[in-house]
Protein backbone atom coordinates (compact mmCIF):
# COMPACT_ATOMS: atom_id res chain seq x y z
CA MET A 1 163.22 58.86 21.82
CA LEU A 2 164.03 62.55 22.13
CA ALA A 3 162.67 64.97 19.55
CA LYS A 4 165.13 67.43 18.06
CA PRO A 5 165.05 70.98 19.48
CA GLU A 6 161.65 72.53 18.68
CA GLY A 7 160.67 69.27 16.97
CA HIS A 8 158.00 68.61 19.60
CA LYS A 9 156.08 71.54 18.07
CA ASP A 10 156.19 70.15 14.50
CA PRO A 11 153.41 67.59 13.79
CA ALA A 12 154.96 66.41 10.51
CA TYR A 13 158.34 65.80 12.14
CA LEU A 14 156.75 64.00 15.11
CA SER A 15 154.76 61.74 12.81
CA ALA A 16 157.90 60.87 10.84
CA LEU A 17 159.85 60.19 14.06
CA ILE A 18 157.11 57.97 15.51
CA ARG A 19 156.92 55.94 12.30
CA ALA A 20 160.67 55.67 11.74
CA GLU A 21 161.48 54.63 15.32
CA GLN A 22 158.31 52.54 15.82
CA VAL A 23 157.35 54.51 18.92
CA THR A 24 154.60 52.83 20.96
CA THR A 25 153.84 55.43 23.66
CA VAL A 26 153.60 59.20 23.28
CA HIS A 27 152.50 61.97 25.65
CA PHE A 28 150.86 65.17 24.36
CA VAL A 29 149.25 68.26 25.78
CA PRO A 30 145.76 68.31 24.18
CA SER A 31 146.41 71.37 22.02
CA MET A 32 149.45 69.70 20.45
CA LEU A 33 147.52 66.44 20.07
CA ARG A 34 144.94 68.37 18.04
CA ALA A 35 147.67 69.69 15.74
CA PHE A 36 149.17 66.20 15.44
CA LEU A 37 145.84 64.62 14.46
CA GLN A 38 145.49 67.18 11.65
CA GLU A 39 148.75 65.94 10.13
CA PRO A 40 147.80 63.69 7.17
CA THR A 41 150.35 61.01 8.13
CA ALA A 42 149.21 60.71 11.76
CA ALA A 43 146.96 57.76 10.86
CA ASP A 44 150.05 55.92 9.55
CA CYS A 45 151.55 55.69 13.08
CA VAL A 46 150.40 52.08 13.30
CA ARG A 47 152.95 51.01 15.96
CA LEU A 48 151.39 53.27 18.59
CA ARG A 49 149.89 51.33 21.49
CA ARG A 50 148.83 54.15 23.80
CA VAL A 51 148.55 57.94 23.80
CA ILE A 52 148.60 59.97 27.04
CA CYS A 53 147.24 63.49 27.49
CA SER A 54 147.71 65.96 30.33
CA GLY A 55 148.55 69.61 30.93
CA GLU A 56 145.17 71.08 30.04
CA ALA A 57 141.53 70.01 29.68
CA LEU A 58 140.86 67.24 27.16
CA THR A 59 137.55 67.97 25.42
CA ALA A 60 134.97 65.46 24.19
CA GLU A 61 135.36 66.91 20.68
CA LEU A 62 139.10 66.22 20.68
CA GLN A 63 138.46 62.73 22.07
CA ARG A 64 136.10 62.08 19.12
CA GLN A 65 138.67 63.41 16.66
CA PHE A 66 141.34 61.16 18.17
CA PHE A 67 139.35 57.95 17.77
CA SER A 68 138.49 58.88 14.19
CA VAL A 69 142.21 58.93 13.36
CA LEU A 70 143.88 56.43 15.72
CA ARG A 71 142.58 53.09 17.03
CA VAL A 72 144.60 52.91 20.25
CA PRO A 73 143.80 53.65 23.92
CA LEU A 74 143.76 57.32 24.93
CA HIS A 75 144.48 58.16 28.58
CA ASN A 76 143.57 61.46 30.23
CA LEU A 77 145.77 62.36 33.22
CA TYR A 78 145.43 65.28 35.64
CA GLY A 79 147.89 66.80 38.07
CA PRO A 80 149.44 70.09 39.17
CA THR A 81 153.19 70.69 39.16
CA GLU A 82 153.04 70.89 42.97
CA ALA A 83 152.18 67.19 43.11
CA ALA A 84 154.96 65.78 40.90
CA VAL A 85 152.84 65.46 38.81
CA ASP A 86 149.84 63.37 37.61
CA ILE A 87 147.47 62.42 40.42
CA SER A 88 144.42 61.00 38.61
CA PHE A 89 143.86 58.84 35.55
CA TRP A 90 141.10 58.00 33.09
CA GLN A 91 141.01 55.75 30.02
CA CYS A 92 138.90 57.49 27.41
CA ASP A 93 135.89 55.87 25.80
CA ALA A 94 134.82 56.81 22.28
CA SER A 95 131.15 56.42 23.23
CA THR A 96 131.14 59.05 26.01
CA THR A 97 130.26 62.73 25.61
CA THR A 98 132.42 63.95 28.51
CA VAL A 99 136.04 63.37 29.52
CA PRO A 100 136.47 63.17 33.31
CA ILE A 101 139.84 63.23 35.06
CA GLY A 102 139.02 59.90 36.66
CA ARG A 103 140.23 58.38 39.92
CA PRO A 104 143.26 59.10 42.14
CA VAL A 105 146.49 57.18 41.60
CA TRP A 106 147.96 55.11 44.45
CA ASN A 107 149.05 56.86 47.66
CA THR A 108 146.92 59.87 46.76
CA ARG A 109 143.76 61.31 48.30
CA LEU A 110 141.58 63.80 46.44
CA TYR A 111 139.01 65.97 48.23
CA VAL A 112 136.33 68.27 46.85
CA LEU A 113 135.76 70.89 49.57
CA ASP A 114 133.72 74.03 50.11
CA ALA A 115 135.00 77.37 51.38
CA ASN A 116 135.00 76.02 54.96
CA LEU A 117 137.12 72.99 54.00
CA GLN A 118 134.10 70.70 54.40
CA LEU A 119 133.49 67.79 52.04
CA VAL A 120 130.73 68.55 49.52
CA PRO A 121 128.14 65.94 48.42
CA VAL A 122 128.39 63.95 45.20
CA GLY A 123 127.45 66.06 42.20
CA ILE A 124 128.19 69.40 43.90
CA ALA A 125 131.05 71.58 42.67
CA GLY A 126 133.86 72.53 45.02
CA GLU A 127 137.59 73.20 45.05
CA LEU A 128 139.88 70.23 44.49
CA TYR A 129 142.50 69.46 47.15
CA VAL A 130 145.30 66.89 46.89
CA SER A 131 146.95 64.94 49.70
CA GLY A 132 149.60 62.27 49.39
CA ILE A 133 153.27 61.41 49.45
CA GLN A 134 154.04 63.21 46.18
CA LEU A 135 153.25 66.74 47.37
CA ALA A 136 156.01 69.30 47.00
CA ARG A 137 157.53 70.79 50.16
CA GLY A 138 156.34 74.22 49.13
CA TYR A 139 157.50 77.14 46.98
CA LEU A 140 161.19 78.01 47.14
CA ASN A 141 161.80 81.11 49.28
CA ARG A 142 158.06 81.98 49.30
CA PRO A 143 156.81 80.99 52.78
CA ALA A 144 153.62 83.08 52.59
CA LEU A 145 152.50 81.49 49.33
CA SER A 146 153.44 78.04 50.63
CA ALA A 147 151.31 78.58 53.73
CA GLU A 148 148.39 79.73 51.59
CA ARG A 149 148.42 76.78 49.17
CA PHE A 150 149.70 73.91 51.36
CA VAL A 151 147.33 73.54 54.32
CA ALA A 152 146.67 70.98 57.04
CA ASP A 153 144.86 67.84 55.93
CA PRO A 154 141.98 67.23 58.40
CA CYS A 155 141.65 63.65 57.13
CA GLY A 156 145.36 62.83 57.27
CA PHE A 157 146.42 59.58 58.86
CA GLU A 158 149.53 61.09 60.46
CA PRO A 159 150.08 64.37 62.37
CA GLY A 160 151.35 67.16 60.12
CA THR A 161 149.85 65.73 56.92
CA ARG A 162 149.25 68.49 54.39
CA MET A 163 147.05 68.94 51.35
CA TYR A 164 147.49 71.20 48.35
CA ARG A 165 144.83 73.66 47.29
CA THR A 166 144.76 73.35 43.48
CA GLY A 167 142.47 76.27 42.63
CA ASP A 168 140.59 73.91 40.29
CA LEU A 169 136.85 73.30 40.49
CA ALA A 170 135.65 69.69 40.37
CA ARG A 171 132.83 67.38 41.41
CA TRP A 172 132.43 63.70 42.15
CA ARG A 173 130.11 61.58 40.05
CA ALA A 174 128.01 58.87 41.65
CA ASP A 175 130.36 56.21 40.24
CA GLY A 176 133.36 57.64 42.10
CA VAL A 177 134.83 59.39 39.07
CA LEU A 178 136.01 63.02 39.24
CA GLU A 179 135.04 65.68 36.70
CA TYR A 180 137.11 68.82 36.13
CA LEU A 181 135.00 72.00 35.85
CA GLY A 182 137.53 74.83 35.44
CA ARG A 183 139.41 77.32 37.60
CA ALA A 184 138.25 78.89 40.85
CA ASP A 185 140.54 81.90 40.28
CA GLN A 186 141.90 83.92 37.35
CA GLN A 187 144.74 81.53 36.51
CA LEU A 188 144.76 80.38 32.89
CA LYS A 189 146.03 77.23 31.19
CA ILE A 190 146.86 77.86 27.54
CA ARG A 191 148.55 75.26 25.32
CA GLY A 192 149.84 73.48 28.42
CA PHE A 193 151.34 76.58 30.07
CA ARG A 194 150.11 77.82 33.44
CA ILE A 195 149.66 81.59 33.21
CA GLU A 196 148.94 84.15 35.90
CA PRO A 197 147.33 87.15 34.13
CA GLY A 198 148.56 89.42 36.90
CA GLU A 199 152.17 88.89 35.78
CA ILE A 200 151.34 90.09 32.27
CA GLU A 201 149.27 92.99 33.61
CA ALA A 202 152.23 94.09 35.75
CA ALA A 203 154.51 94.00 32.70
CA LEU A 204 151.99 96.05 30.71
CA VAL A 205 151.56 98.82 33.28
CA SER A 206 155.34 99.14 33.49
CA HIS A 207 155.20 100.45 29.91
CA PRO A 208 155.44 104.25 30.01
CA GLY A 209 152.34 104.67 27.85
CA VAL A 210 150.00 102.31 29.72
CA ALA A 211 147.77 103.53 32.56
CA GLN A 212 145.73 100.37 33.23
CA ALA A 213 145.63 96.84 31.83
CA VAL A 214 143.60 93.65 32.19
CA VAL A 215 144.49 90.32 30.58
CA VAL A 216 141.94 87.56 29.99
CA GLY A 217 141.74 84.29 28.10
CA SER A 218 139.52 84.24 25.01
CA GLY A 219 138.20 81.31 22.98
CA GLN A 220 135.99 78.35 23.85
CA GLU A 221 138.16 75.38 22.90
CA PRO A 222 141.46 74.92 24.81
CA ALA A 223 143.38 74.61 21.54
CA GLU A 224 141.97 77.92 20.31
CA LYS A 225 142.42 79.84 23.55
CA HIS A 226 144.53 82.96 23.39
CA LEU A 227 145.41 85.90 25.59
CA VAL A 228 143.75 89.28 25.09
CA ALA A 229 145.11 92.45 26.70
CA TYR A 230 142.73 95.36 27.38
CA VAL A 231 144.78 98.51 27.74
CA VAL A 232 143.94 102.06 28.80
CA PRO A 233 146.59 104.47 27.41
CA LYS A 234 147.91 107.33 29.53
CA THR A 235 147.18 109.87 26.81
CA THR A 236 144.53 110.39 24.13
CA LEU A 237 147.19 109.79 21.48
CA GLY A 238 146.74 106.04 21.98
CA LEU A 239 149.40 103.36 21.68
CA ASP A 240 151.30 101.53 18.99
CA ARG A 241 150.21 97.90 19.46
CA ALA A 242 153.30 96.58 17.69
CA GLU A 243 155.56 98.58 19.97
CA VAL A 244 153.74 97.32 23.09
CA ARG A 245 154.03 93.74 21.82
CA SER A 246 157.75 94.22 21.23
CA TYR A 247 158.10 95.69 24.73
CA LEU A 248 156.52 92.59 26.30
CA GLN A 249 158.59 90.22 24.19
CA ARG A 250 161.73 91.64 25.76
CA THR A 251 160.66 90.52 29.26
CA LEU A 252 158.07 87.73 28.85
CA PRO A 253 158.20 84.31 27.16
CA ASP A 254 156.32 84.02 23.86
CA TYR A 255 153.39 82.12 25.35
CA MET A 256 152.69 85.02 27.75
CA VAL A 257 152.55 87.71 25.05
CA PRO A 258 148.86 88.47 24.26
CA ALA A 259 147.57 87.65 20.80
CA ALA A 260 145.41 90.78 20.73
CA PHE A 261 145.60 94.26 22.25
CA VAL A 262 142.34 96.17 22.68
CA LEU A 263 142.63 99.89 23.48
CA LEU A 264 139.93 101.32 25.75
CA LYS A 265 139.23 104.78 27.12
CA ALA A 266 138.39 103.17 30.47
CA LEU A 267 137.94 99.68 31.88
CA PRO A 268 134.29 98.68 32.52
CA LEU A 269 133.52 98.40 36.24
CA THR A 270 130.93 96.58 38.31
CA PRO A 271 128.79 98.55 40.83
CA ASN A 272 131.32 97.75 43.59
CA GLY A 273 134.21 99.15 41.54
CA LYS A 274 135.86 95.93 40.32
CA VAL A 275 136.73 95.32 36.67
CA ASP A 276 133.69 93.84 34.91
CA ARG A 277 135.42 91.18 32.83
CA LYS A 278 132.13 90.06 31.27
CA ALA A 279 131.64 93.54 29.81
CA LEU A 280 135.02 93.60 28.03
CA PRO A 281 134.50 93.74 24.23
CA ALA A 282 135.54 90.83 22.03
CA PRO A 283 138.85 91.44 20.24
CA ASP A 284 138.73 92.39 16.57
CA PHE A 285 141.88 91.02 15.02
CA ALA A 286 141.14 92.83 11.77
CA ALA A 287 141.56 96.11 13.67
CA ALA A 288 145.16 95.21 14.36
CA LYS A 289 146.07 95.18 10.67
CA GLY A 290 148.37 97.72 9.12
CA PRO A 291 148.00 99.11 5.57
CA TRP A 292 146.82 96.30 3.29
CA ARG A 293 149.19 95.56 0.41
CA VAL A 294 148.62 92.92 -2.27
CA PRO A 295 151.20 90.20 -2.98
CA GLY A 296 154.01 91.22 -5.33
CA SER A 297 155.27 87.75 -6.27
CA PRO A 298 153.95 84.18 -6.66
CA GLN A 299 155.68 83.24 -3.40
CA GLU A 300 153.98 86.07 -1.50
CA GLU A 301 150.65 85.08 -3.05
CA ILE A 302 151.04 81.50 -1.78
CA LEU A 303 152.08 82.70 1.68
CA CYS A 304 149.07 85.06 1.87
CA ALA A 305 146.80 82.11 1.09
CA LEU A 306 148.50 79.99 3.76
CA PHE A 307 148.19 82.78 6.36
CA THR A 308 144.48 83.10 5.49
CA GLU A 309 143.91 79.34 5.82
CA VAL A 310 145.78 78.88 9.10
CA LEU A 311 144.42 82.02 10.81
CA GLY A 312 140.85 81.63 9.54
CA VAL A 313 140.59 85.23 8.33
CA SER A 314 139.08 86.59 5.12
CA ARG A 315 142.24 88.09 3.64
CA VAL A 316 145.86 88.84 4.52
CA GLY A 317 148.15 91.53 3.13
CA VAL A 318 151.90 91.09 2.82
CA GLU A 319 152.59 93.48 5.72
CA ASP A 320 150.06 91.97 8.12
CA ASN A 321 151.59 90.50 11.29
CA PHE A 322 150.82 86.81 11.91
CA PHE A 323 150.53 87.27 15.67
CA GLU A 324 148.49 90.46 15.52
CA LEU A 325 145.95 88.52 13.43
CA GLY A 326 145.49 86.00 16.24
CA GLY A 327 148.41 83.67 15.58
CA HIS A 328 150.27 81.85 18.34
CA SER A 329 153.03 79.25 18.63
CA LEU A 330 150.75 76.30 17.85
CA LEU A 331 149.32 77.98 14.76
CA ALA A 332 152.89 78.81 13.76
CA THR A 333 153.67 75.08 13.66
CA ARG A 334 150.64 74.59 11.43
CA LEU A 335 151.86 77.37 9.13
CA VAL A 336 155.33 75.82 8.91
CA SER A 337 153.76 72.48 7.95
CA ARG A 338 151.69 74.14 5.20
CA VAL A 339 154.77 76.00 3.91
CA ARG A 340 156.70 72.72 3.76
CA THR A 341 153.98 71.14 1.64
CA ALA A 342 153.24 74.10 -0.63
CA LEU A 343 156.74 75.51 -1.20
CA GLU A 344 158.94 72.48 -0.34
CA VAL A 345 160.92 74.61 2.11
CA GLU A 346 162.04 73.57 5.60
CA LEU A 347 161.17 76.66 7.61
CA PRO A 348 162.27 76.78 11.28
CA ILE A 349 159.44 77.85 13.58
CA SER A 350 161.72 80.52 15.01
CA THR A 351 161.64 82.26 11.63
CA VAL A 352 157.93 82.97 12.02
CA PHE A 353 158.67 84.83 15.27
CA GLU A 354 161.60 86.69 13.70
CA ALA A 355 159.76 87.61 10.49
CA PRO A 356 156.01 87.35 11.23
CA THR A 357 154.76 88.98 7.99
CA VAL A 358 154.30 87.53 4.52
CA ALA A 359 156.90 89.94 3.18
CA GLY A 360 159.36 88.98 5.90
CA LEU A 361 158.96 85.24 5.38
CA ALA A 362 159.13 85.57 1.60
CA SER A 363 162.44 87.40 1.81
């Protein structure tokens, strides 16, 4: 079954499709699974026989939430795009407090290595490498990057066997199961999308008013992660955050546009001159608000309440921008669902991006 365009982002539509077509198997990224489980009718998908997750880390909390709603097997898969695609598997257990990425699939070898490409002992963290028949040939027209990431496999059974350096940290458990620990570099995974902060930073410094920029991921839970841009303006006059956001939207996909922009006089540095990411201040989404204006109609009043509920903020004015208050595409789907219930209006998700204020949506 194929969801309608943009339907894969709408939990209510997905639930209706699964029930109407008696779907038995469905594959989610964890952040979308979280949104789906919050849909009141998700528990009515009684024909489901298995649910598969991959694309980002599956947390123990989300695993617990899943088994409280659905009584079917949940499978956690792991794999980079360069390995076409899932290379390890794990069937989740409601009684466990961690969610490993499991064991390698057939014809696949997984290594946890140190900086010298030596195998590390059980229980010790190292970088995860993949070897097997499903590896990509490399990156198209990027020989230097291919040589950096696809390296010789010292344990290969045939001459010329390669392995892929994932950039992920992992460790083996004593029972032969692999645990994912995070990234070894600055790459981010947000709502299933692989993001290189450097690409966003390059787009930011191309803006005529930006002198320096650093982009980081903020938020503890994968589903709540968002991008934060720390920007040093070229002049003391500062920057218009809305204008910078609009500038990025012209060149970057929506998922790469930061949820918050923090203006700094200078980036904090470590003693050796590198950016001290740990010293960057937490974003204050309230600071991104424009002039606060009260609702002027019952419809605007309802929308303000829905914005407040979905975004988890204390209050919202009719001119406040959904995305400048910390909203993102997944929260937009939640907002659309709430609008459907409260106002009985079918609102396309694209409308939230086109008119991201209460006043805009009301009109």
